[in-house]
Amino acid sequence: MRPQDIICIKRDGGELLPEQIKLFIDGVCDSSWADYQISALLMAMFTRGLNEQEEEALVREMLHSGKIFDFSKITVPKADKHSTGGVGDKTSLIIAPLVASCGVAVPMISGRGLGHTGGTLDKLESIPGYNVKLSKEDFHSVVDKCGFAMAGQTADIAPADRKLYALRDATATIPYIPLIVASIMSKKLAEGLDALILDVKTGSGAFMKSFDDAVALAEALVATGKRFEVQTQAVISDMSQPLGKYVGNALEVYECIKILRNEIEVAARPAWELSLELSARMLLLTGKSDDFESAKQICTSRVESGEALERLRLNVQCQGGDPSICDDPERLFSKEIVELPIRAETPGFLNSVDTQVLGNAVSSIGGGRIKADDGVDHAVGFSSELKIGDAVKAGDTIGVLYCRNADDAANAASKIREAYVLSESVVTPPHLIRRIIG
């Protein structure tokens, strides 16, 4: 069947058969479909929609467009966590060593930051020498040695998604749930998992700003995981303000190491609380615990005993990094960085934070990417000193901008100050965990 025949079916509102979706994905991978034909079908899917059968077929074909990890020789359960992204969203760096220390293998395929959201790979690369570009064989080896590995997507894992995502970005077809589900799940299912926990963000710093949209995405992700016989659950979490204290690559790694050292600052507690929630649910899904409170106690004990920190130390060593940062995380702070306090101009109560504006401000000083091929300055960032609901006096520090040059960062500081909105009346803080799906 010709590409234009398949495009016509969906353009006219018809249902694509599994074999037609297979022809489409084969054409994406072997370049027998031109980019304009791929884009045309993506737009038809976006406007006409995909039903459950079409979505499942799309996930299956994207998954099998590349290789699937085989961890059958690892006798412990295999689990991973995926987040839809946000500002200061650093939980992977806590969860992976913590859950591994509880006897679960965590093969974590991660991504880079783009726009206002950070990326786990960029954070990891702020650790001197840390290698996120692992071959499939090296990835297996690291999981064998320390219970978890964190690396980027290789060319042979769901290769169809690479091209489709780039074309979706170029044709404004990103925000459609079945296509989002296919992109996320084709990569996660390729990890050969027994269980998957999904952290779906909602709020001003999330891609799904509407709570109802976040619920719809979470339900679709969970349903897809279960159809592929992976124990799957989603946590809808708040992203109406930065998660924890720090935003920025090296700063977030510092925060995570401090948490794993059981040296948790008050401002960092939400990052720990969400990490604990997600980690405990991974233990439940893998059968390592049959009670949520017991699972939380197991995870807490691994941090208090230092076992989770030692698992991180072993992983850093296995992936070529300097494990001594686990002993002296302050080394992650650059001596060349200027600290620029941002102060409140009026009194009140912190009512809201435009978290996307804050994330973009950090990106503008080098902390993130505007375009996929931009470089990243791992040392710059922001520390968030206030949480929604806090009382504020004029002159109080909203946060501190870590920058190369205070003059260059003046615009970013102005944007951040505007992102923090005060009110005259007391404000009720938002709940961190909004809903559990699955």
Protein backbone atom coordinates (compact mmCIF):
# COMPACT_ATOMS: atom_id res chain seq x y z
CA MET A 1 0.00 0.00 0.00
CA ARG A 2 1.33 3.43 -0.93
CA PRO A 3 1.99 6.07 1.77
CA GLN A 4 -0.64 8.37 0.25
CA ASP A 5 -3.27 5.62 0.51
CA ILE A 6 -2.62 5.25 4.26
CA ILE A 7 -2.61 9.03 4.70
CA CYS A 8 -6.00 9.25 2.92
CA ILE A 9 -7.58 6.73 5.30
CA LYS A 10 -6.71 8.74 8.38
CA ARG A 11 -7.27 12.11 6.66
CA ASP A 12 -10.86 11.05 5.99
CA GLY A 13 -11.40 9.86 9.57
CA GLY A 14 -10.92 6.13 8.99
CA GLU A 15 -9.29 3.58 11.28
CA LEU A 16 -5.80 2.35 10.44
CA LEU A 17 -5.26 -1.39 10.60
CA PRO A 18 -2.23 -2.78 12.50
CA GLU A 19 -0.54 -3.77 9.23
CA GLN A 20 -0.95 -0.23 7.89
CA ILE A 21 0.62 1.24 11.02
CA LYS A 22 3.46 -1.28 10.61
CA LEU A 23 4.00 -0.09 7.04
CA PHE A 24 4.13 3.49 8.36
CA ILE A 25 6.73 2.77 11.05
CA ASP A 26 8.78 0.61 8.66
CA GLY A 27 8.73 3.54 6.25
CA VAL A 28 9.94 5.91 8.97
CA CYS A 29 12.87 3.61 9.81
CA ASP A 30 13.99 2.66 6.29
CA SER A 31 13.32 6.16 4.84
CA SER A 32 10.92 4.81 2.22
CA TRP A 33 8.46 7.43 3.48
CA ALA A 34 9.48 11.02 2.82
CA ASP A 35 9.45 13.47 5.72
CA TYR A 36 6.49 15.32 4.19
CA GLN A 37 4.51 12.06 4.03
CA ILE A 38 5.33 11.20 7.66
CA SER A 39 4.35 14.72 8.70
CA ALA A 40 1.09 14.48 6.76
CA LEU A 41 0.08 11.30 8.57
CA LEU A 42 1.09 12.73 11.94
CA MET A 43 -1.11 15.75 11.30
CA ALA A 44 -3.98 13.49 10.23
CA MET A 45 -3.56 11.48 13.45
CA PHE A 46 -3.49 14.71 15.44
CA THR A 47 -6.64 16.13 13.87
CA ARG A 48 -8.68 12.94 13.30
CA GLY A 49 -7.53 11.03 16.36
CA LEU A 50 -6.43 7.48 17.16
CA ASN A 51 -8.57 4.89 18.93
CA GLU A 52 -7.27 2.45 21.54
CA GLN A 53 -6.46 -0.26 18.98
CA GLU A 54 -4.55 2.17 16.75
CA GLU A 55 -2.64 3.57 19.74
CA GLU A 56 -1.64 0.08 20.89
CA ALA A 57 -0.50 -0.85 17.38
CA LEU A 58 1.54 2.36 17.15
CA VAL A 59 3.25 1.67 20.50
CA ARG A 60 3.96 -1.93 19.51
CA GLU A 61 5.49 -1.03 16.15
CA MET A 62 7.57 1.82 17.60
CA LEU A 63 8.77 -0.50 20.37
CA HIS A 64 9.76 -3.23 17.92
CA SER A 65 11.39 -0.76 15.51
CA GLY A 66 14.56 -1.32 17.57
CA LYS A 67 16.08 -3.67 20.12
CA ILE A 68 14.60 -4.61 23.48
CA PHE A 69 16.82 -5.16 26.49
CA ASP A 70 16.96 -8.72 27.79
CA PHE A 71 17.56 -8.76 31.53
CA SER A 72 16.29 -12.31 31.97
CA LYS A 73 19.58 -13.34 33.61
CA ILE A 74 18.99 -10.79 36.37
CA THR A 75 16.89 -12.65 38.93
CA VAL A 76 15.60 -9.60 40.84
CA PRO A 77 12.61 -7.57 39.57
CA LYS A 78 13.25 -4.82 37.01
CA ALA A 79 11.56 -1.44 37.38
CA ASP A 80 11.91 2.14 36.22
CA LYS A 81 10.35 5.55 36.73
CA HIS A 82 9.43 8.15 34.11
CA SER A 83 8.57 11.79 34.67
CA THR A 84 6.81 14.07 32.21
CA GLY A 85 9.29 16.77 33.24
CA GLY A 86 9.39 19.98 35.18
CA VAL A 87 11.58 22.55 36.92
CA GLY A 88 13.90 21.20 39.60
CA ASP A 89 12.59 17.71 38.85
CA LYS A 90 15.56 15.69 40.11
CA THR A 91 13.98 12.58 41.61
CA SER A 92 15.63 10.06 39.24
CA LEU A 93 18.99 10.68 40.90
CA ILE A 94 17.51 9.72 44.26
CA ILE A 95 15.15 6.96 43.17
CA ALA A 96 17.56 4.86 41.08
CA PRO A 97 20.17 4.20 43.81
CA LEU A 98 17.51 4.03 46.53
CA VAL A 99 15.36 1.42 44.79
CA ALA A 100 18.45 -0.53 43.69
CA SER A 101 19.55 -0.70 47.34
CA CYS A 102 16.16 -2.31 48.08
CA GLY A 103 16.86 -5.20 45.69
CA VAL A 104 15.24 -3.98 42.48
CA ALA A 105 17.22 -3.53 39.25
CA VAL A 106 16.66 -0.10 37.67
CA PRO A 107 17.66 0.15 33.98
CA MET A 108 16.95 3.87 33.47
CA ILE A 109 16.97 5.35 29.96
CA SER A 110 16.91 9.12 30.42
CA GLY A 111 16.81 12.27 28.31
CA ARG A 112 18.25 15.76 28.06
CA GLY A 113 16.60 19.01 28.99
CA LEU A 114 14.87 21.20 26.43
CA GLY A 115 13.14 24.52 26.99
CA HIS A 116 12.10 25.17 30.58
CA THR A 117 12.56 21.57 31.78
CA GLY A 118 15.77 19.96 32.98
CA GLY A 119 17.19 16.63 31.80
CA THR A 120 18.63 13.82 33.88
CA LEU A 121 21.56 13.28 31.49
CA ASP A 122 22.63 16.92 31.80
CA LYS A 123 22.50 16.68 35.57
CA LEU A 124 24.61 13.51 35.59
CA GLU A 125 27.22 15.07 33.30
CA SER A 126 27.88 17.73 35.94
CA ILE A 127 29.60 14.92 37.88
CA PRO A 128 33.25 14.95 36.72
CA GLY A 129 33.87 12.09 34.28
CA TYR A 130 30.36 10.60 34.42
CA ASN A 131 29.57 8.78 31.15
CA VAL A 132 25.94 8.64 30.01
CA LYS A 133 26.79 7.30 26.54
CA LEU A 134 26.79 3.59 27.26
CA SER A 135 26.60 0.83 24.69
CA LYS A 136 23.94 -1.79 25.21
CA GLU A 137 26.61 -4.17 26.55
CA ASP A 138 28.04 -1.60 28.96
CA PHE A 139 24.54 -0.72 30.14
CA HIS A 140 23.94 -4.40 30.97
CA SER A 141 27.27 -4.59 32.76
CA VAL A 142 26.60 -1.54 34.95
CA VAL A 143 23.16 -2.85 35.95
CA ASP A 144 24.79 -6.19 36.85
CA LYS A 145 27.45 -4.52 39.01
CA CYS A 146 25.50 -1.92 40.95
CA GLY A 147 21.81 -2.59 40.38
CA PHE A 148 21.09 0.41 38.19
CA ALA A 149 22.37 2.34 35.21
CA MET A 150 21.42 5.77 33.87
CA ALA A 151 22.17 6.48 30.24
CA GLY A 152 20.81 8.06 27.09
CA GLN A 153 18.72 6.41 24.41
CA THR A 154 20.94 4.54 21.96
CA ALA A 155 20.34 4.50 18.22
CA ASP A 156 18.83 1.01 18.37
CA ILE A 157 16.21 1.71 21.09
CA ALA A 158 12.87 2.74 19.57
CA PRO A 159 14.60 4.46 16.61
CA ALA A 160 11.25 5.39 15.05
CA ASP A 161 10.59 7.72 17.98
CA ARG A 162 13.67 9.85 17.27
CA LYS A 163 12.48 10.83 13.81
CA LEU A 164 8.81 11.06 14.74
CA TYR A 165 9.51 13.32 17.71
CA ALA A 166 11.62 15.70 15.62
CA LEU A 167 8.88 15.94 13.00
CA ARG A 168 6.14 16.33 15.65
CA ASP A 169 8.14 19.21 17.11
CA ALA A 170 8.47 20.83 13.68
CA THR A 171 4.79 20.38 12.78
CA ALA A 172 3.21 21.39 16.14
CA THR A 173 1.77 17.91 16.74
CA ILE A 174 3.46 17.32 20.12
CA PRO A 175 0.45 17.90 22.46
CA TYR A 176 -1.69 14.89 21.55
CA ILE A 177 -2.01 12.17 24.18
CA PRO A 178 -1.84 9.01 21.98
CA LEU A 179 1.33 10.31 20.30
CA ILE A 180 2.82 11.26 23.69
CA VAL A 181 1.98 7.79 25.02
CA ALA A 182 3.57 6.09 22.02
CA SER A 183 6.74 8.16 22.39
CA ILE A 184 7.14 7.52 26.13
CA MET A 185 6.07 3.91 26.28
CA SER A 186 7.96 2.67 23.23
CA LYS A 187 11.20 3.66 24.99
CA LYS A 188 10.25 2.51 28.48
CA LEU A 189 8.90 -0.86 27.36
CA ALA A 190 12.19 -1.46 25.51
CA GLU A 191 13.91 -1.66 28.90
CA GLY A 192 12.44 -5.11 29.56
CA LEU A 193 10.66 -4.00 32.73
CA ASP A 194 8.46 -5.83 35.20
CA ALA A 195 7.13 -2.56 36.64
CA LEU A 196 6.94 1.12 35.76
CA ILE A 197 5.99 4.12 37.88
CA LEU A 198 4.99 7.32 36.07
CA ASP A 199 5.27 10.80 37.55
CA VAL A 200 2.83 12.94 35.60
CA LYS A 201 3.24 16.63 36.44
CA THR A 202 0.52 19.26 36.52
CA GLY A 203 0.77 22.99 37.13
CA SER A 204 2.52 26.07 35.78
CA GLY A 205 5.84 24.28 35.19
CA ALA A 206 4.38 21.15 33.60
CA PHE A 207 3.63 20.30 29.99
CA MET A 208 0.17 19.26 31.17
CA LYS A 209 -0.80 22.44 33.01
CA SER A 210 -4.43 21.38 33.36
CA PHE A 211 -5.14 18.77 36.05
CA ASP A 212 -7.75 17.10 33.83
CA ASP A 213 -5.23 16.78 30.99
CA ALA A 214 -2.69 15.29 33.39
CA VAL A 215 -5.27 12.73 34.55
CA ALA A 216 -6.10 11.81 30.95
CA LEU A 217 -2.43 11.31 30.10
CA ALA A 218 -1.78 9.30 33.26
CA GLU A 219 -4.74 7.01 32.57
CA ALA A 220 -3.59 6.43 28.98
CA LEU A 221 -0.01 5.67 30.05
CA VAL A 222 -1.12 3.25 32.76
CA ALA A 223 -3.55 1.46 30.44
CA THR A 224 -0.82 1.05 27.82
CA GLY A 225 1.68 -0.34 30.32
CA LYS A 226 -0.82 -2.90 31.55
CA ARG A 227 -1.75 -3.95 27.99
CA PHE A 228 1.93 -4.79 27.51
CA GLU A 229 1.92 -6.80 30.77
CA VAL A 230 4.03 -4.35 32.77
CA GLN A 231 2.82 -3.48 36.27
CA THR A 232 2.15 0.24 35.89
CA GLN A 233 0.99 3.04 38.14
CA ALA A 234 0.99 6.83 37.82
CA VAL A 235 1.37 9.55 40.43
CA ILE A 236 0.04 12.97 39.47
CA SER A 237 2.30 15.46 41.26
CA ASP A 238 2.31 19.21 41.65
CA MET A 239 4.56 21.36 39.43
CA SER A 240 3.14 24.76 40.36
CA GLN A 241 6.53 25.67 41.86
CA PRO A 242 10.08 24.31 41.59
CA LEU A 243 10.49 20.86 43.14
CA GLY A 244 12.79 21.07 46.15
CA LYS A 245 15.33 23.82 46.57
CA TYR A 246 17.58 23.95 43.50
CA VAL A 247 17.10 24.39 39.76
CA GLY A 248 20.18 23.76 37.62
CA ASN A 249 22.29 20.73 36.82
CA ALA A 250 25.15 20.64 39.34
CA LEU A 251 22.98 22.28 42.00
CA GLU A 252 20.35 19.56 41.67
CA VAL A 253 22.96 16.80 41.89
CA TYR A 254 24.22 18.46 45.07
CA GLU A 255 20.69 18.47 46.50
CA CYS A 256 20.22 14.78 45.66
CA ILE A 257 23.51 13.73 47.25
CA LYS A 258 22.65 15.70 50.38
CA ILE A 259 19.31 13.88 50.54
CA LEU A 260 21.01 10.49 50.11
CA ARG A 261 23.42 11.53 52.88
CA ASN A 262 20.30 12.10 55.03
CA GLU A 263 21.21 15.78 55.28
CA ILE A 264 17.90 17.14 54.01
CA GLU A 265 17.36 20.90 54.06
CA VAL A 266 13.84 22.14 54.76
CA ALA A 267 13.51 23.57 51.23
CA ALA A 268 14.58 20.21 49.76
CA ARG A 269 11.94 18.18 51.60
CA PRO A 270 9.42 18.09 48.70
CA ALA A 271 12.10 16.50 46.47
CA TRP A 272 12.64 13.82 49.11
CA GLU A 273 8.92 13.33 49.77
CA LEU A 274 8.14 12.77 46.08
CA SER A 275 11.17 10.49 45.65
CA LEU A 276 10.02 8.45 48.65
CA GLU A 277 6.47 8.20 47.28
CA LEU A 278 7.65 6.99 43.86
CA SER A 279 10.29 4.64 45.27
CA ALA A 280 7.84 3.01 47.69
CA ARG A 281 5.35 2.45 44.87
CA MET A 282 8.09 0.79 42.81
CA LEU A 283 8.63 -1.66 45.70
CA LEU A 284 4.90 -2.35 45.78
CA LEU A 285 4.67 -2.94 42.03
CA THR A 286 7.63 -5.34 42.08
CA GLY A 287 6.38 -7.30 45.09
CA LYS A 288 9.24 -6.20 47.34
CA SER A 289 6.62 -4.99 49.79
CA ASP A 290 2.88 -5.59 50.03
CA ASP A 291 2.10 -2.54 52.13
CA PHE A 292 2.72 1.10 51.18
CA GLU A 293 3.74 2.29 54.64
CA SER A 294 6.13 -0.64 55.02
CA ALA A 295 7.61 0.17 51.61
CA LYS A 296 8.21 3.76 52.71
CA GLN A 297 9.89 2.52 55.89
CA ILE A 298 12.18 0.24 53.89
CA CYS A 299 13.21 3.13 51.63
CA THR A 300 13.74 5.50 54.56
CA SER A 301 15.93 2.93 56.31
CA ARG A 302 18.15 2.59 53.21
CA VAL A 303 18.84 6.32 53.29
CA GLU A 304 19.39 6.45 57.04
CA SER A 305 21.80 3.50 56.91
CA GLY A 306 23.80 4.97 54.02
CA GLU A 307 23.08 2.00 51.73
CA ALA A 308 21.42 4.16 49.07
CA LEU A 309 24.37 6.58 49.05
CA GLU A 310 26.83 3.70 48.69
CA ARG A 311 24.83 2.40 45.73
CA LEU A 312 25.16 5.82 44.08
CA ARG A 313 28.90 5.84 44.81
CA LEU A 314 29.31 2.46 43.11
CA ASN A 315 27.30 3.59 40.09
CA VAL A 316 29.34 6.79 39.66
CA GLN A 317 32.49 4.69 39.72
CA CYS A 318 31.05 2.17 37.24
CA GLN A 319 30.08 4.95 34.82
CA GLY A 320 33.47 6.66 34.92
CA GLY A 321 32.69 9.48 37.34
CA ASP A 322 34.43 10.69 40.47
CA PRO A 323 32.78 8.85 43.41
CA SER A 324 34.38 11.17 45.99
CA ILE A 325 31.58 13.70 45.35
CA CYS A 326 29.47 11.46 47.59
CA ASP A 327 31.79 12.49 50.43
CA ASP A 328 32.19 16.13 49.44
CA PRO A 329 29.20 17.26 47.35
CA GLU A 330 30.20 20.92 47.83
CA ARG A 331 32.81 20.29 45.13
CA LEU A 332 29.96 20.51 42.62
CA PHE A 333 29.75 24.27 43.25
CA SER A 334 31.93 26.29 40.88
CA LYS A 335 34.19 28.96 42.42
CA GLU A 336 33.69 31.09 39.29
CA ILE A 337 29.96 31.48 39.86
CA VAL A 338 28.44 34.75 41.10
CA GLU A 339 25.55 34.52 43.58
CA LEU A 340 22.86 37.13 42.90
CA PRO A 341 20.10 37.33 45.57
CA ILE A 342 16.63 38.20 44.27
CA ARG A 343 14.55 40.04 46.87
CA ALA A 344 10.85 40.71 47.33
CA GLU A 345 9.87 44.35 46.80
CA THR A 346 6.62 44.19 48.81
CA PRO A 347 5.28 42.16 51.75
CA GLY A 348 2.60 39.49 51.49
CA PHE A 349 2.14 35.77 51.06
CA LEU A 350 3.54 33.79 48.15
CA ASN A 351 0.45 33.09 46.06
CA SER A 352 1.81 31.51 42.89
CA VAL A 353 4.92 30.92 40.79
CA ASP A 354 5.04 30.98 37.00
CA THR A 355 7.37 28.00 37.06
CA GLN A 356 7.78 27.83 33.29
CA VAL A 357 9.01 31.45 33.24
CA LEU A 358 11.46 30.59 36.03
CA GLY A 359 12.75 27.56 34.11
CA ASN A 360 13.17 29.62 30.95
CA ALA A 361 15.07 32.28 32.94
CA VAL A 362 17.56 29.67 34.14
CA SER A 363 17.88 28.38 30.55
CA SER A 364 18.59 31.92 29.34
CA ILE A 365 21.78 32.12 31.45
CA GLY A 366 23.02 28.77 30.12
CA GLY A 367 21.33 26.33 32.50
CA GLY A 368 19.23 24.69 29.78
CA ARG A 369 18.57 24.50 26.07
CA ILE A 370 16.35 26.55 23.85
CA LYS A 371 17.35 24.43 20.80
CA ALA A 372 18.28 20.74 20.94
CA ASP A 373 21.89 21.39 19.83
CA ASP A 374 22.58 24.13 22.42
CA GLY A 375 25.29 23.60 25.00
CA VAL A 376 24.62 23.65 28.75
CA ASP A 377 26.45 25.43 31.56
CA HIS A 378 26.21 22.86 34.36
CA ALA A 379 27.20 25.33 37.10
CA VAL A 380 24.50 27.99 36.76
CA GLY A 381 21.05 27.80 38.32
CA PHE A 382 18.71 29.05 40.98
CA SER A 383 17.91 28.25 44.60
CA SER A 384 14.26 28.67 45.54
CA GLU A 385 14.04 29.97 49.10
CA LEU A 386 10.24 30.37 49.26
CA LYS A 387 7.30 27.97 48.88
CA ILE A 388 3.70 28.83 48.03
CA GLY A 389 1.97 29.93 51.23
CA ASP A 390 5.08 31.41 52.88
CA ALA A 391 4.82 34.84 54.50
CA VAL A 392 7.14 37.39 52.87
CA LYS A 393 8.51 40.72 54.09
CA ALA A 394 9.84 43.42 51.77
CA GLY A 395 13.52 42.68 51.24
CA ASP A 396 13.23 38.96 51.94
CA THR A 397 15.20 36.71 49.60
CA ILE A 398 12.96 35.00 47.05
CA GLY A 399 15.90 33.01 45.77
CA VAL A 400 19.50 33.17 44.65
CA LEU A 401 20.57 33.16 41.01
CA TYR A 402 23.87 31.36 40.38
CA CYS A 403 25.33 33.01 37.28
CA ARG A 404 28.57 33.80 35.46
CA ASN A 405 28.06 37.55 35.47
CA ALA A 406 25.54 39.57 37.49
CA ASP A 407 25.07 42.12 34.69
CA ASP A 408 24.31 39.41 32.13
CA ALA A 409 21.85 37.79 34.53
CA ALA A 410 19.92 40.98 35.31
CA ASN A 411 17.18 40.16 32.79
CA ALA A 412 16.80 36.63 34.17
CA ALA A 413 16.59 38.01 37.71
CA SER A 414 13.85 40.43 36.63
CA LYS A 415 11.87 37.60 35.01
CA ILE A 416 12.18 35.45 38.13
CA ARG A 417 11.04 38.29 40.39
CA GLU A 418 7.96 38.76 38.17
CA ALA A 419 7.27 35.00 38.25
CA TYR A 420 6.71 35.14 42.02
CA VAL A 421 3.25 36.59 42.72
CA LEU A 422 2.34 37.75 46.22
CA SER A 423 -1.10 38.27 47.75
CA GLU A 424 -2.26 40.15 50.81
CA SER A 425 -4.15 37.20 52.30
CA VAL A 426 -2.96 33.85 53.61
CA VAL A 427 -2.50 31.21 50.89
CA THR A 428 -3.03 27.46 51.29
CA PRO A 429 -0.04 25.52 49.92
CA PRO A 430 -0.82 23.00 47.15
CA HIS A 431 -0.68 19.26 47.80
CA LEU A 432 2.46 17.65 46.35
CA ILE A 433 0.68 14.39 45.47
CA ARG A 434 -2.53 15.16 43.60
CA ARG A 435 -3.82 11.68 42.63
CA ILE A 436 -2.75 8.07 42.16
CA ILE A 437 -3.82 6.33 38.92
CA GLY A 438 -3.77 2.56 38.55
